[in-house]
Amino acid sequence: MASLRTLPAAVLAAGLVLVPATAQAHDELTGSEPSDGATGEAPDDLTLTFSGNIAEVGAAVTVTSPDGSSVTDGEPQVDGTEVEQDLADDLTDGEYAVAWRVTSEDGHPISGEFGFTVEGAAAQTSEETSEEAQPEESSEAPQESEAEPAPTPEETQGAEEETTEEETTDDSGQTSEESVSTATGVPGWAWVVVGVAVAGLLGTLAWTWQRGRS
């Protein structure tokens, strides 16, 4: 009879032990990037890390900007114990609120919220704008001028003498009659006729003079 009285007490004690063990089986958030309360530059994405694997179905992450608008980009991506959420570009300075809801490995939904602060976004945007405004330096080396150098005075004089010689000398090396005709204005054959006539006249005069003396 004594053992029957102690049986309910033993069952109750076992139940008290099992209930906390079951309650502690649910997964929980163990960290995030940015972390809760962090202050820094604007992140490109938000990563949540949990104590156990997260179900791919049912994950939801919301990130709200200081003006109340959502800055999430697309749906969250689940990879084992991590949930990654892309964020919009060019986040402004201020406090951002994060709210998340996922389904743990045992099928139990869990949720939570935290916040982080962005600083220096305006200065970073101004620096990037200044870099884009600067002209890019040309990577091509300047091409050397292909113009030929001017001829020296010696080369110019030699070219002129060679041209004069070609104009006044024919293939046999004799002076061209055309050059003489051009210089005097009288054809070359006329000079030949005149020379013959003068020679004949001088011969006639000499013969007449000799005859008169005899």
N, C-alpha and C. Protein backbone atom coordinates (compact mmCIF):
# COMPACT_ATOMS: atom_id res chain seq x y z
N MET A 1 0.83 -1.21 0.00
CA MET A 1 0.00 0.00 0.00
C MET A 1 0.86 1.26 0.00
N ALA A 2 2.00 1.15 0.69
CA ALA A 2 2.88 2.32 0.75
C ALA A 2 3.42 2.67 -0.62
N SER A 3 3.72 1.63 -1.40
CA SER A 3 4.26 1.88 -2.75
C SER A 3 3.24 2.53 -3.65
N LEU A 4 1.96 2.21 -3.46
CA LEU A 4 0.92 2.82 -4.29
C LEU A 4 0.75 4.29 -3.96
N ARG A 5 0.99 4.65 -2.69
CA ARG A 5 0.85 6.05 -2.32
C ARG A 5 1.97 6.89 -2.92
N THR A 6 3.13 6.30 -3.00
CA THR A 6 4.28 7.06 -3.52
C THR A 6 4.32 7.14 -5.04
N LEU A 7 3.51 6.34 -5.76
CA LEU A 7 3.53 6.31 -7.23
C LEU A 7 3.10 7.65 -7.83
N PRO A 8 2.01 8.27 -7.41
CA PRO A 8 1.65 9.57 -8.00
C PRO A 8 2.72 10.62 -7.79
N ALA A 9 3.37 10.57 -6.63
CA ALA A 9 4.42 11.56 -6.38
C ALA A 9 5.58 11.37 -7.33
N ALA A 10 5.92 10.12 -7.62
CA ALA A 10 7.02 9.86 -8.56
C ALA A 10 6.68 10.32 -9.96
N VAL A 11 5.44 10.09 -10.39
CA VAL A 11 5.00 10.52 -11.75
C VAL A 11 5.02 12.02 -11.84
N LEU A 12 4.58 12.71 -10.79
CA LEU A 12 4.56 14.17 -10.79
C LEU A 12 5.97 14.73 -10.86
N ALA A 13 6.90 14.11 -10.12
CA ALA A 13 8.28 14.58 -10.16
C ALA A 13 8.90 14.42 -11.55
N ALA A 14 8.60 13.26 -12.18
CA ALA A 14 9.12 13.04 -13.53
C ALA A 14 8.55 14.05 -14.51
N GLY A 15 7.29 14.40 -14.35
CA GLY A 15 6.66 15.39 -15.24
C GLY A 15 7.28 16.75 -15.08
N LEU A 16 7.62 17.14 -13.86
CA LEU A 16 8.24 18.44 -13.63
C LEU A 16 9.62 18.52 -14.28
N VAL A 17 10.31 17.37 -14.34
CA VAL A 17 11.62 17.34 -14.98
C VAL A 17 11.51 17.42 -16.49
N LEU A 18 10.53 16.74 -17.06
CA LEU A 18 10.38 16.67 -18.52
C LEU A 18 9.85 17.97 -19.10
N VAL A 19 8.98 18.67 -18.38
CA VAL A 19 8.39 19.89 -18.93
C VAL A 19 9.43 20.96 -19.21
N PRO A 20 10.35 21.29 -18.28
CA PRO A 20 11.37 22.29 -18.61
C PRO A 20 12.28 21.84 -19.74
N ALA A 21 12.56 20.52 -19.80
CA ALA A 21 13.42 20.03 -20.86
C ALA A 21 12.79 20.24 -22.22
N THR A 22 11.47 20.03 -22.28
CA THR A 22 10.76 20.24 -23.55
C THR A 22 10.72 21.71 -23.91
N ALA A 23 10.53 22.58 -22.92
CA ALA A 23 10.45 24.01 -23.18
C ALA A 23 11.79 24.56 -23.68
N GLN A 24 12.87 24.00 -23.21
CA GLN A 24 14.18 24.47 -23.62
C GLN A 24 14.63 23.91 -24.98
N ALA A 25 13.84 23.07 -25.60
CA ALA A 25 14.21 22.46 -26.87
C ALA A 25 14.06 23.42 -28.03
N HIS A 26 13.29 24.53 -27.88
CA HIS A 26 13.09 25.48 -28.97
C HIS A 26 14.38 26.24 -29.26
N ASP A 27 14.59 26.51 -30.56
CA ASP A 27 15.78 27.26 -30.95
C ASP A 27 15.64 28.72 -30.56
N GLU A 28 16.74 29.43 -30.51
CA GLU A 28 16.74 30.84 -30.15
C GLU A 28 17.82 31.58 -30.93
N LEU A 29 17.67 32.91 -31.03
CA LEU A 29 18.64 33.75 -31.71
C LEU A 29 19.89 33.87 -30.85
N THR A 30 21.03 33.53 -31.43
CA THR A 30 22.30 33.59 -30.68
C THR A 30 23.18 34.77 -31.10
N GLY A 31 22.89 35.39 -32.23
CA GLY A 31 23.71 36.52 -32.67
C GLY A 31 23.19 37.09 -33.98
N SER A 32 23.70 38.26 -34.34
CA SER A 32 23.30 38.91 -35.58
C SER A 32 24.42 39.84 -36.05
N GLU A 33 24.37 40.17 -37.32
CA GLU A 33 25.33 41.10 -37.92
C GLU A 33 24.57 42.04 -38.86
N PRO A 34 24.38 43.32 -38.52
CA PRO A 34 24.86 44.01 -37.33
C PRO A 34 24.20 43.46 -36.05
N SER A 35 24.91 43.61 -34.95
CA SER A 35 24.38 43.12 -33.69
C SER A 35 23.42 44.13 -33.08
N ASP A 36 22.69 43.70 -32.07
CA ASP A 36 21.73 44.56 -31.39
C ASP A 36 22.45 45.74 -30.75
N GLY A 37 22.03 46.97 -31.09
CA GLY A 37 22.61 48.18 -30.54
C GLY A 37 23.90 48.63 -31.21
N ALA A 38 24.34 47.96 -32.28
CA ALA A 38 25.59 48.32 -32.94
C ALA A 38 25.45 49.66 -33.68
N THR A 39 26.58 50.38 -33.84
CA THR A 39 26.64 51.64 -34.58
C THR A 39 27.80 51.56 -35.56
N GLY A 40 27.55 51.87 -36.83
CA GLY A 40 28.61 51.79 -37.83
C GLY A 40 28.11 52.16 -39.21
N GLU A 41 28.90 51.80 -40.23
CA GLU A 41 28.55 52.10 -41.61
C GLU A 41 27.34 51.27 -42.06
N ALA A 42 26.73 51.72 -43.14
CA ALA A 42 25.54 51.04 -43.65
C ALA A 42 25.89 49.64 -44.13
N PRO A 43 25.20 48.60 -43.63
CA PRO A 43 25.49 47.24 -44.07
C PRO A 43 24.81 46.92 -45.39
N ASP A 44 25.37 45.95 -46.12
CA ASP A 44 24.74 45.50 -47.36
C ASP A 44 23.64 44.48 -47.10
N ASP A 45 23.75 43.74 -45.99
CA ASP A 45 22.75 42.74 -45.65
C ASP A 45 22.72 42.54 -44.14
N LEU A 46 21.72 41.79 -43.70
CA LEU A 46 21.53 41.47 -42.28
C LEU A 46 21.57 39.96 -42.12
N THR A 47 22.38 39.46 -41.17
CA THR A 47 22.50 38.02 -40.94
C THR A 47 22.07 37.68 -39.52
N LEU A 48 21.15 36.72 -39.39
CA LEU A 48 20.68 36.23 -38.08
C LEU A 48 21.21 34.82 -37.88
N THR A 49 21.74 34.54 -36.71
CA THR A 49 22.29 33.22 -36.39
C THR A 49 21.50 32.61 -35.23
N PHE A 50 21.06 31.35 -35.40
CA PHE A 50 20.23 30.68 -34.39
C PHE A 50 20.97 29.46 -33.82
N SER A 51 20.43 28.95 -32.72
CA SER A 51 21.05 27.81 -32.03
C SER A 51 20.82 26.49 -32.74
N GLY A 52 19.88 26.44 -33.64
CA GLY A 52 19.59 25.22 -34.40
C GLY A 52 19.19 25.55 -35.81
N ASN A 53 19.03 24.52 -36.64
CA ASN A 53 18.63 24.72 -38.03
C ASN A 53 17.24 25.33 -38.10
N ILE A 54 17.05 26.21 -39.08
CA ILE A 54 15.80 26.92 -39.26
C ILE A 54 15.09 26.38 -40.50
N ALA A 55 13.77 26.24 -40.40
CA ALA A 55 12.98 25.77 -41.54
C ALA A 55 12.98 26.84 -42.63
N GLU A 56 13.10 26.39 -43.89
CA GLU A 56 13.14 27.33 -45.00
C GLU A 56 11.80 28.01 -45.23
N VAL A 57 10.72 27.38 -44.81
CA VAL A 57 9.39 27.94 -45.00
C VAL A 57 9.01 28.75 -43.76
N GLY A 58 8.45 29.95 -43.99
CA GLY A 58 7.93 30.75 -42.88
C GLY A 58 8.89 31.78 -42.35
N ALA A 59 10.11 31.92 -42.90
CA ALA A 59 11.05 32.92 -42.42
C ALA A 59 10.68 34.30 -42.95
N ALA A 60 10.71 35.29 -42.07
CA ALA A 60 10.37 36.66 -42.45
C ALA A 60 11.23 37.63 -41.66
N VAL A 61 11.79 38.62 -42.35
CA VAL A 61 12.63 39.64 -41.71
C VAL A 61 12.19 41.00 -42.23
N THR A 62 12.00 41.95 -41.33
CA THR A 62 11.63 43.32 -41.70
C THR A 62 12.62 44.29 -41.08
N VAL A 63 13.18 45.18 -41.88
CA VAL A 63 14.10 46.21 -41.40
C VAL A 63 13.49 47.56 -41.78
N THR A 64 13.23 48.40 -40.77
CA THR A 64 12.55 49.68 -40.98
C THR A 64 13.53 50.82 -40.79
N SER A 65 13.53 51.79 -41.72
CA SER A 65 14.43 52.95 -41.67
C SER A 65 13.89 53.99 -40.70
N PRO A 66 14.68 55.05 -40.43
CA PRO A 66 14.21 56.09 -39.52
C PRO A 66 12.91 56.76 -39.95
N ASP A 67 12.64 56.81 -41.26
CA ASP A 67 11.40 57.45 -41.71
C ASP A 67 10.23 56.47 -41.77
N GLY A 68 10.43 55.22 -41.33
CA GLY A 68 9.35 54.26 -41.25
C GLY A 68 9.19 53.37 -42.47
N SER A 69 10.04 53.55 -43.49
CA SER A 69 9.92 52.73 -44.70
C SER A 69 10.77 51.48 -44.58
N SER A 70 10.38 50.43 -45.32
CA SER A 70 11.12 49.17 -45.30
C SER A 70 12.34 49.27 -46.23
N VAL A 71 13.48 48.74 -45.76
CA VAL A 71 14.70 48.79 -46.56
C VAL A 71 15.18 47.38 -46.91
N THR A 72 14.33 46.37 -46.75
CA THR A 72 14.70 45.02 -47.15
C THR A 72 14.63 44.88 -48.66
N ASP A 73 15.46 44.00 -49.21
CA ASP A 73 15.53 43.77 -50.65
C ASP A 73 15.35 42.28 -50.92
N GLY A 74 14.16 41.89 -51.36
CA GLY A 74 13.88 40.49 -51.64
C GLY A 74 13.52 39.71 -50.39
N GLU A 75 13.49 38.37 -50.53
CA GLU A 75 13.12 37.47 -49.46
C GLU A 75 14.36 36.99 -48.71
N PRO A 76 14.19 36.63 -47.42
CA PRO A 76 15.34 36.12 -46.66
C PRO A 76 15.77 34.75 -47.17
N GLN A 77 17.08 34.47 -47.08
CA GLN A 77 17.64 33.20 -47.51
C GLN A 77 18.08 32.41 -46.27
N VAL A 78 17.56 31.17 -46.17
CA VAL A 78 17.86 30.32 -45.02
C VAL A 78 18.95 29.32 -45.40
N ASP A 79 20.00 29.23 -44.57
CA ASP A 79 21.09 28.29 -44.79
C ASP A 79 21.48 27.69 -43.44
N GLY A 80 20.84 26.56 -43.09
CA GLY A 80 21.14 25.91 -41.81
C GLY A 80 20.70 26.75 -40.65
N THR A 81 21.65 27.20 -39.84
CA THR A 81 21.34 28.00 -38.66
C THR A 81 21.34 29.49 -38.96
N GLU A 82 21.59 29.89 -40.19
CA GLU A 82 21.67 31.32 -40.52
C GLU A 82 20.54 31.73 -41.46
N VAL A 83 20.07 32.95 -41.24
CA VAL A 83 19.07 33.57 -42.11
C VAL A 83 19.66 34.90 -42.59
N GLU A 84 19.79 35.06 -43.89
CA GLU A 84 20.39 36.27 -44.46
C GLU A 84 19.35 37.07 -45.22
N GLN A 85 19.30 38.37 -44.95
CA GLN A 85 18.35 39.28 -45.60
C GLN A 85 19.11 40.42 -46.26
N ASP A 86 18.98 40.53 -47.60
CA ASP A 86 19.61 41.64 -48.32
C ASP A 86 18.90 42.95 -47.99
N LEU A 87 19.69 44.05 -47.96
CA LEU A 87 19.15 45.37 -47.68
C LEU A 87 19.32 46.28 -48.89
N ALA A 88 18.52 47.34 -48.92
CA ALA A 88 18.58 48.29 -50.03
C ALA A 88 19.89 49.06 -49.99
N ASP A 89 20.30 49.59 -51.14
CA ASP A 89 21.52 50.38 -51.22
C ASP A 89 21.31 51.78 -50.63
N ASP A 90 22.42 52.41 -50.29
CA ASP A 90 22.43 53.81 -49.86
C ASP A 90 21.52 54.05 -48.66
N LEU A 91 21.74 53.30 -47.57
CA LEU A 91 21.00 53.56 -46.33
C LEU A 91 21.44 54.89 -45.74
N THR A 92 20.49 55.66 -45.24
CA THR A 92 20.79 56.95 -44.64
C THR A 92 21.16 56.78 -43.17
N ASP A 93 21.72 57.83 -42.60
CA ASP A 93 22.07 57.79 -41.18
C ASP A 93 20.81 57.72 -40.32
N GLY A 94 20.93 57.04 -39.19
CA GLY A 94 19.80 56.95 -38.27
C GLY A 94 19.65 55.57 -37.67
N GLU A 95 18.58 55.39 -36.86
CA GLU A 95 18.32 54.13 -36.17
C GLU A 95 17.37 53.26 -37.01
N TYR A 96 17.71 51.98 -37.09
CA TYR A 96 16.93 51.01 -37.87
C TYR A 96 16.38 49.94 -36.92
N ALA A 97 15.12 49.58 -37.15
CA ALA A 97 14.46 48.57 -36.32
C ALA A 97 14.34 47.27 -37.09
N VAL A 98 14.68 46.15 -36.45
CA VAL A 98 14.64 44.82 -37.07
C VAL A 98 13.60 43.96 -36.35
N ALA A 99 12.72 43.37 -37.13
CA ALA A 99 11.75 42.42 -36.59
C ALA A 99 11.85 41.13 -37.39
N TRP A 100 11.95 39.99 -36.70
CA TRP A 100 12.12 38.72 -37.40
C TRP A 100 11.17 37.67 -36.84
N ARG A 101 10.87 36.70 -37.71
CA ARG A 101 10.01 35.58 -37.30
C ARG A 101 10.42 34.37 -38.14
N VAL A 102 10.79 33.25 -37.47
CA VAL A 102 11.21 32.04 -38.15
C VAL A 102 10.56 30.83 -37.48
N THR A 103 10.70 29.69 -38.14
CA THR A 103 10.20 28.42 -37.59
C THR A 103 11.40 27.56 -37.24
N SER A 104 11.48 27.17 -35.96
CA SER A 104 12.61 26.37 -35.50
C SER A 104 12.52 24.95 -36.04
N GLU A 105 13.55 24.17 -35.79
CA GLU A 105 13.63 22.82 -36.34
C GLU A 105 12.52 21.91 -35.83
N ASP A 106 12.02 22.18 -34.64
CA ASP A 106 10.96 21.35 -34.10
C ASP A 106 9.57 21.80 -34.53
N GLY A 107 9.51 22.81 -35.43
CA GLY A 107 8.23 23.28 -35.94
C GLY A 107 7.61 24.39 -35.12
N HIS A 108 8.29 24.84 -34.10
CA HIS A 108 7.74 25.89 -33.25
C HIS A 108 8.17 27.25 -33.78
N PRO A 109 7.24 28.20 -34.03
CA PRO A 109 7.63 29.53 -34.51
C PRO A 109 8.20 30.38 -33.38
N ILE A 110 9.25 31.09 -33.69
CA ILE A 110 9.86 32.01 -32.73
C ILE A 110 10.05 33.36 -33.42
N SER A 111 10.08 34.42 -32.63
CA SER A 111 10.22 35.76 -33.20
C SER A 111 10.95 36.67 -32.21
N GLY A 112 11.32 37.85 -32.69
CA GLY A 112 12.01 38.82 -31.85
C GLY A 112 12.29 40.09 -32.61
N GLU A 113 12.92 41.04 -31.96
CA GLU A 113 13.24 42.32 -32.59
C GLU A 113 14.44 42.94 -31.88
N PHE A 114 15.16 43.79 -32.62
CA PHE A 114 16.29 44.54 -32.07
C PHE A 114 16.55 45.72 -33.01
N GLY A 115 17.62 46.46 -32.77
CA GLY A 115 17.90 47.63 -33.60
C GLY A 115 19.39 47.90 -33.74
N PHE A 116 19.75 48.69 -34.74
CA PHE A 116 21.13 49.13 -34.94
C PHE A 116 21.10 50.54 -35.54
N THR A 117 22.25 51.21 -35.51
CA THR A 117 22.33 52.61 -35.95
C THR A 117 23.37 52.74 -37.05
N VAL A 118 23.04 53.52 -38.08
CA VAL A 118 23.95 53.78 -39.20
C VAL A 118 24.51 55.19 -39.04
N GLU A 119 25.84 55.32 -39.14
CA GLU A 119 26.52 56.61 -39.10
C GLU A 119 27.56 56.68 -40.21
N GLY A 120 27.77 57.89 -40.74
CA GLY A 120 28.79 58.10 -41.77
C GLY A 120 28.34 57.79 -43.17
N ALA A 121 27.05 57.49 -43.38
CA ALA A 121 26.58 57.15 -44.73
C ALA A 121 26.66 58.36 -45.66
N ALA A 122 26.35 59.56 -45.14
CA ALA A 122 26.39 60.77 -45.98
C ALA A 122 27.80 61.07 -46.44
N ALA A 123 28.78 60.94 -45.53
CA ALA A 123 30.17 61.21 -45.90
C ALA A 123 30.67 60.20 -46.92
N GLN A 124 30.30 58.93 -46.76
CA GLN A 124 30.72 57.90 -47.70
C GLN A 124 30.13 58.15 -49.08
N THR A 125 28.87 58.56 -49.15
CA THR A 125 28.23 58.84 -50.44
C THR A 125 28.90 60.02 -51.14
N SER A 126 29.26 61.07 -50.36
CA SER A 126 29.93 62.24 -50.93
C SER A 126 31.30 61.88 -51.48
N GLU A 127 32.03 61.01 -50.78
CA GLU A 127 33.36 60.58 -51.25
C GLU A 127 33.26 59.78 -52.53
N GLU A 128 32.28 58.89 -52.62
CA GLU A 128 32.11 58.09 -53.84
C GLU A 128 31.73 58.97 -55.02
N THR A 129 30.90 60.00 -54.77
CA THR A 129 30.51 60.92 -55.84
C THR A 129 31.70 61.70 -56.36
N SER A 130 32.60 62.13 -55.44
CA SER A 130 33.78 62.87 -55.85
C SER A 130 34.72 62.01 -56.68
N GLU A 131 34.87 60.73 -56.31
CA GLU A 131 35.73 59.83 -57.07
C GLU A 131 35.19 59.59 -58.46
N GLU A 132 33.85 59.49 -58.59
CA GLU A 132 33.26 59.27 -59.91
C GLU A 132 33.38 60.51 -60.78
N ALA A 133 33.40 61.71 -60.15
CA ALA A 133 33.47 62.95 -60.93
C ALA A 133 34.86 63.21 -61.48
N GLN A 134 35.91 62.64 -60.86
CA GLN A 134 37.26 62.86 -61.33
C GLN A 134 37.49 62.13 -62.65
N PRO A 135 38.12 62.78 -63.64
CA PRO A 135 38.39 62.12 -64.93
C PRO A 135 39.41 61.02 -64.76
N GLU A 136 39.19 59.95 -65.47
CA GLU A 136 40.13 58.83 -65.42
C GLU A 136 41.39 59.16 -66.23
N GLU A 137 42.55 58.78 -65.67
CA GLU A 137 43.80 59.00 -66.36
C GLU A 137 43.93 58.03 -67.53
N SER A 138 44.38 58.55 -68.64
CA SER A 138 44.54 57.70 -69.81
C SER A 138 45.68 56.72 -69.59
N SER A 139 45.39 55.43 -69.84
CA SER A 139 46.41 54.40 -69.67
C SER A 139 47.28 54.23 -70.91
N GLU A 140 46.90 54.95 -71.99
CA GLU A 140 47.66 54.82 -73.23
C GLU A 140 48.83 55.80 -73.22
N ALA A 141 49.99 55.34 -73.62
CA ALA A 141 51.17 56.20 -73.69
C ALA A 141 51.04 57.14 -74.87
N PRO A 142 51.49 58.38 -74.74
CA PRO A 142 51.40 59.31 -75.87
C PRO A 142 52.19 58.81 -77.06
N GLN A 143 51.57 58.91 -78.23
CA GLN A 143 52.21 58.42 -79.44
C GLN A 143 53.25 59.41 -79.92
N GLU A 144 54.37 58.87 -80.36
CA GLU A 144 55.44 59.71 -80.88
C GLU A 144 55.06 60.27 -82.24
N SER A 145 55.50 61.47 -82.52
CA SER A 145 55.18 62.10 -83.79
C SER A 145 55.86 61.36 -84.93
N GLU A 146 55.08 61.12 -85.99
CA GLU A 146 55.60 60.40 -87.14
C GLU A 146 56.12 61.33 -88.22
N ALA A 147 56.10 62.65 -87.96
CA ALA A 147 56.57 63.61 -88.97
C ALA A 147 58.07 63.46 -89.18
N GLU A 148 58.48 63.55 -90.44
CA GLU A 148 59.90 63.42 -90.77
C GLU A 148 60.63 64.71 -90.37
N PRO A 149 61.87 64.60 -89.90
CA PRO A 149 62.62 65.81 -89.52
C PRO A 149 62.91 66.69 -90.73
N ALA A 150 62.99 68.02 -90.48
CA ALA A 150 63.26 68.96 -91.57
C ALA A 150 64.67 68.74 -92.12
N PRO A 151 64.86 68.87 -93.45
CA PRO A 151 66.19 68.65 -94.04
C PRO A 151 67.17 69.72 -93.58
N THR A 152 68.42 69.34 -93.43
CA THR A 152 69.47 70.27 -93.03
C THR A 152 69.85 71.16 -94.21
N PRO A 153 70.52 72.30 -93.97
CA PRO A 153 70.95 73.18 -95.10
C PRO A 153 71.85 72.44 -96.07
N GLU A 154 72.74 71.55 -95.58
CA GLU A 154 73.63 70.82 -96.47
C GLU A 154 72.84 69.92 -97.41
N GLU A 155 71.80 69.25 -96.86
CA GLU A 155 70.98 68.37 -97.70
C GLU A 155 70.20 69.17 -98.73
N THR A 156 69.72 70.36 -98.36
CA THR A 156 68.96 71.19 -99.30
C THR A 156 69.84 71.67 -100.44
N GLN A 157 71.08 72.12 -100.12
CA GLN A 157 72.00 72.59 -101.16
C GLN A 157 72.39 71.47 -102.11
N GLY A 158 72.65 70.26 -101.56
CA GLY A 158 73.01 69.14 -102.42
C GLY A 158 71.88 68.77 -103.36
N ALA A 159 70.63 68.85 -102.87
CA ALA A 159 69.49 68.52 -103.73
C ALA A 159 69.34 69.53 -104.85
N GLU A 160 69.60 70.83 -104.56
CA GLU A 160 69.47 71.86 -105.61
C GLU A 160 70.55 71.67 -106.67
N GLU A 161 71.82 71.37 -106.25
CA GLU A 161 72.89 71.16 -107.23
C GLU A 161 72.61 69.95 -108.10
N GLU A 162 72.09 68.89 -107.50
CA GLU A 162 71.79 67.70 -108.29
C GLU A 162 70.69 67.97 -109.30
N THR A 163 69.68 68.78 -108.93
CA THR A 163 68.59 69.11 -109.86
C THR A 163 69.10 69.96 -111.01
N THR A 164 70.01 70.94 -110.74
CA THR A 164 70.57 71.80 -111.80
C THR A 164 71.39 70.98 -112.78
N GLU A 165 72.17 70.04 -112.27
CA GLU A 165 73.02 69.21 -113.14
C GLU A 165 72.16 68.32 -114.03
N GLU A 166 71.06 67.80 -113.50
CA GLU A 166 70.20 66.95 -114.31
C GLU A 166 69.52 67.75 -115.42
N GLU A 167 69.22 69.02 -115.15
CA GLU A 167 68.53 69.82 -116.15
C GLU A 167 69.47 70.26 -117.27
N THR A 168 70.78 70.43 -116.97
CA THR A 168 71.70 70.98 -117.97
C THR A 168 72.57 69.95 -118.64
N THR A 169 72.47 68.68 -118.26
CA THR A 169 73.32 67.63 -118.83
C THR A 169 72.45 66.51 -119.35
N ASP A 170 72.74 66.02 -120.60
CA ASP A 170 71.96 64.92 -121.16
C ASP A 170 72.62 63.62 -120.79
N ASP A 171 72.15 62.50 -121.37
CA ASP A 171 72.64 61.17 -121.01
C ASP A 171 74.11 60.99 -121.36
N SER A 172 74.68 61.66 -122.40
CA SER A 172 76.08 61.48 -122.82
C SER A 172 77.02 62.38 -122.06
N GLY A 173 76.51 63.20 -121.15
CA GLY A 173 77.37 64.09 -120.37
C GLY A 173 77.61 65.41 -121.05
N GLN A 174 77.07 65.71 -122.29
CA GLN A 174 77.29 66.95 -123.02
C GLN A 174 76.22 67.96 -122.64
N THR A 175 76.58 69.24 -122.81
CA THR A 175 75.65 70.32 -122.47
C THR A 175 74.47 70.28 -123.43
N SER A 176 73.29 70.41 -122.91
CA SER A 176 72.10 70.35 -123.74
C SER A 176 71.94 71.63 -124.54
N GLU A 177 71.58 71.46 -125.82
CA GLU A 177 71.37 72.62 -126.68
C GLU A 177 70.15 73.40 -126.24
N GLU A 178 69.20 72.69 -125.68
CA GLU A 178 67.99 73.37 -125.26
C GLU A 178 68.30 74.33 -124.12
N SER A 179 69.26 73.95 -123.23
CA SER A 179 69.62 74.84 -122.13
C SER A 179 70.28 76.11 -122.67
N VAL A 180 71.21 75.96 -123.69
CA VAL A 180 71.87 77.11 -124.29
C VAL A 180 70.87 78.00 -124.97
N SER A 181 69.95 77.39 -125.71
CA SER A 181 68.93 78.17 -126.41
C SER A 181 68.09 78.94 -125.43
N THR A 182 67.78 78.34 -124.31
CA THR A 182 66.95 79.00 -123.31
C THR A 182 67.68 80.17 -122.70
N ALA A 183 69.02 80.02 -122.50
CA ALA A 183 69.81 81.08 -121.87
C ALA A 183 69.99 82.29 -122.79
N THR A 184 70.20 82.07 -124.16
CA THR A 184 70.50 83.19 -125.08
C THR A 184 69.29 83.66 -125.86
N GLY A 185 68.29 82.84 -125.98
CA GLY A 185 67.12 83.19 -126.77
C GLY A 185 67.27 82.87 -128.24
N VAL A 186 68.45 82.31 -128.72
CA VAL A 186 68.70 81.96 -130.13
C VAL A 186 68.85 80.45 -130.22
N PRO A 187 68.23 79.83 -131.22
CA PRO A 187 68.37 78.38 -131.36
C PRO A 187 69.82 77.97 -131.58
N GLY A 188 70.19 76.78 -131.20
CA GLY A 188 71.57 76.30 -131.32
C GLY A 188 72.02 76.18 -132.77
N TRP A 189 71.11 75.72 -133.67
CA TRP A 189 71.53 75.57 -135.06
C TRP A 189 71.85 76.91 -135.72
N ALA A 190 71.23 77.99 -135.23
CA ALA A 190 71.51 79.32 -135.81
C ALA A 190 72.94 79.73 -135.53
N TRP A 191 73.42 79.38 -134.33
CA TRP A 191 74.81 79.70 -134.01
C TRP A 191 75.77 78.94 -134.92
N VAL A 192 75.41 77.72 -135.27
CA VAL A 192 76.26 76.95 -136.19
C VAL A 192 76.33 77.61 -137.56
N VAL A 193 75.18 78.05 -138.09
CA VAL A 193 75.15 78.71 -139.40
C VAL A 193 75.96 80.00 -139.38
N VAL A 194 75.81 80.75 -138.32
CA VAL A 194 76.55 82.01 -138.21
C VAL A 194 78.05 81.75 -138.19
N GLY A 195 78.44 80.69 -137.44
CA GLY A 195 79.87 80.37 -137.37
C GLY A 195 80.44 80.00 -138.74
N VAL A 196 79.68 79.21 -139.50
CA VAL A 196 80.14 78.81 -140.84
C VAL A 196 80.24 80.03 -141.76
N ALA A 197 79.25 80.93 -141.64
CA ALA A 197 79.26 82.12 -142.51
C ALA A 197 80.44 83.02 -142.19
N VAL A 198 80.71 83.20 -140.91
CA VAL A 198 81.84 84.05 -140.51
C VAL A 198 83.15 83.45 -141.01
N ALA A 199 83.27 82.12 -140.86
CA ALA A 199 84.49 81.47 -141.31
C ALA A 199 84.67 81.64 -142.83
N GLY A 200 83.57 81.52 -143.61
CA GLY A 200 83.65 81.69 -145.06
C GLY A 200 84.03 83.11 -145.45
N LEU A 201 83.46 84.08 -144.69
CA LEU A 201 83.75 85.48 -144.98
C LEU A 201 85.20 85.80 -144.72
N LEU A 202 85.71 85.27 -143.59
CA LEU A 202 87.12 85.51 -143.29
C LEU A 202 88.02 84.85 -144.35
N GLY A 203 87.66 83.68 -144.82
CA GLY A 203 88.47 83.02 -145.86
C GLY A 203 88.47 83.81 -147.16
N THR A 204 87.32 84.38 -147.53
CA THR A 204 87.22 85.17 -148.78
C THR A 204 88.07 86.43 -148.69
N LEU A 205 88.00 87.11 -147.54
CA LEU A 205 88.78 88.32 -147.34
C LEU A 205 90.27 88.02 -147.42
N ALA A 206 90.66 86.89 -146.80
CA ALA A 206 92.08 86.55 -146.82
C ALA A 206 92.54 86.25 -148.25
N TRP A 207 91.74 85.54 -149.02
CA TRP A 207 92.12 85.22 -150.40
C TRP A 207 92.20 86.47 -151.24
N THR A 208 91.28 87.44 -151.10
CA THR A 208 91.28 88.71 -151.87
C THR A 208 92.51 89.52 -151.53
N TRP A 209 92.85 89.53 -150.24
CA TRP A 209 94.01 90.31 -149.82
C TRP A 209 95.29 89.73 -150.42
N GLN A 210 95.42 88.44 -150.43
CA GLN A 210 96.60 87.81 -151.01
C GLN A 210 96.69 88.07 -152.52
N ARG A 211 95.61 88.05 -153.15
CA ARG A 211 95.60 88.26 -154.62
C ARG A 211 95.98 89.70 -154.95
N GLY A 212 95.51 90.68 -154.11
CA GLY A 212 95.84 92.09 -154.39
C GLY A 212 97.32 92.36 -154.24
N ARG A 213 97.98 91.65 -153.38
CA ARG A 213 99.40 91.89 -153.16
C ARG A 213 100.22 91.31 -154.32
N SER A 214 99.72 90.28 -154.90
CA SER A 214 100.48 89.68 -155.99
C SER A 214 100.25 90.48 -157.27
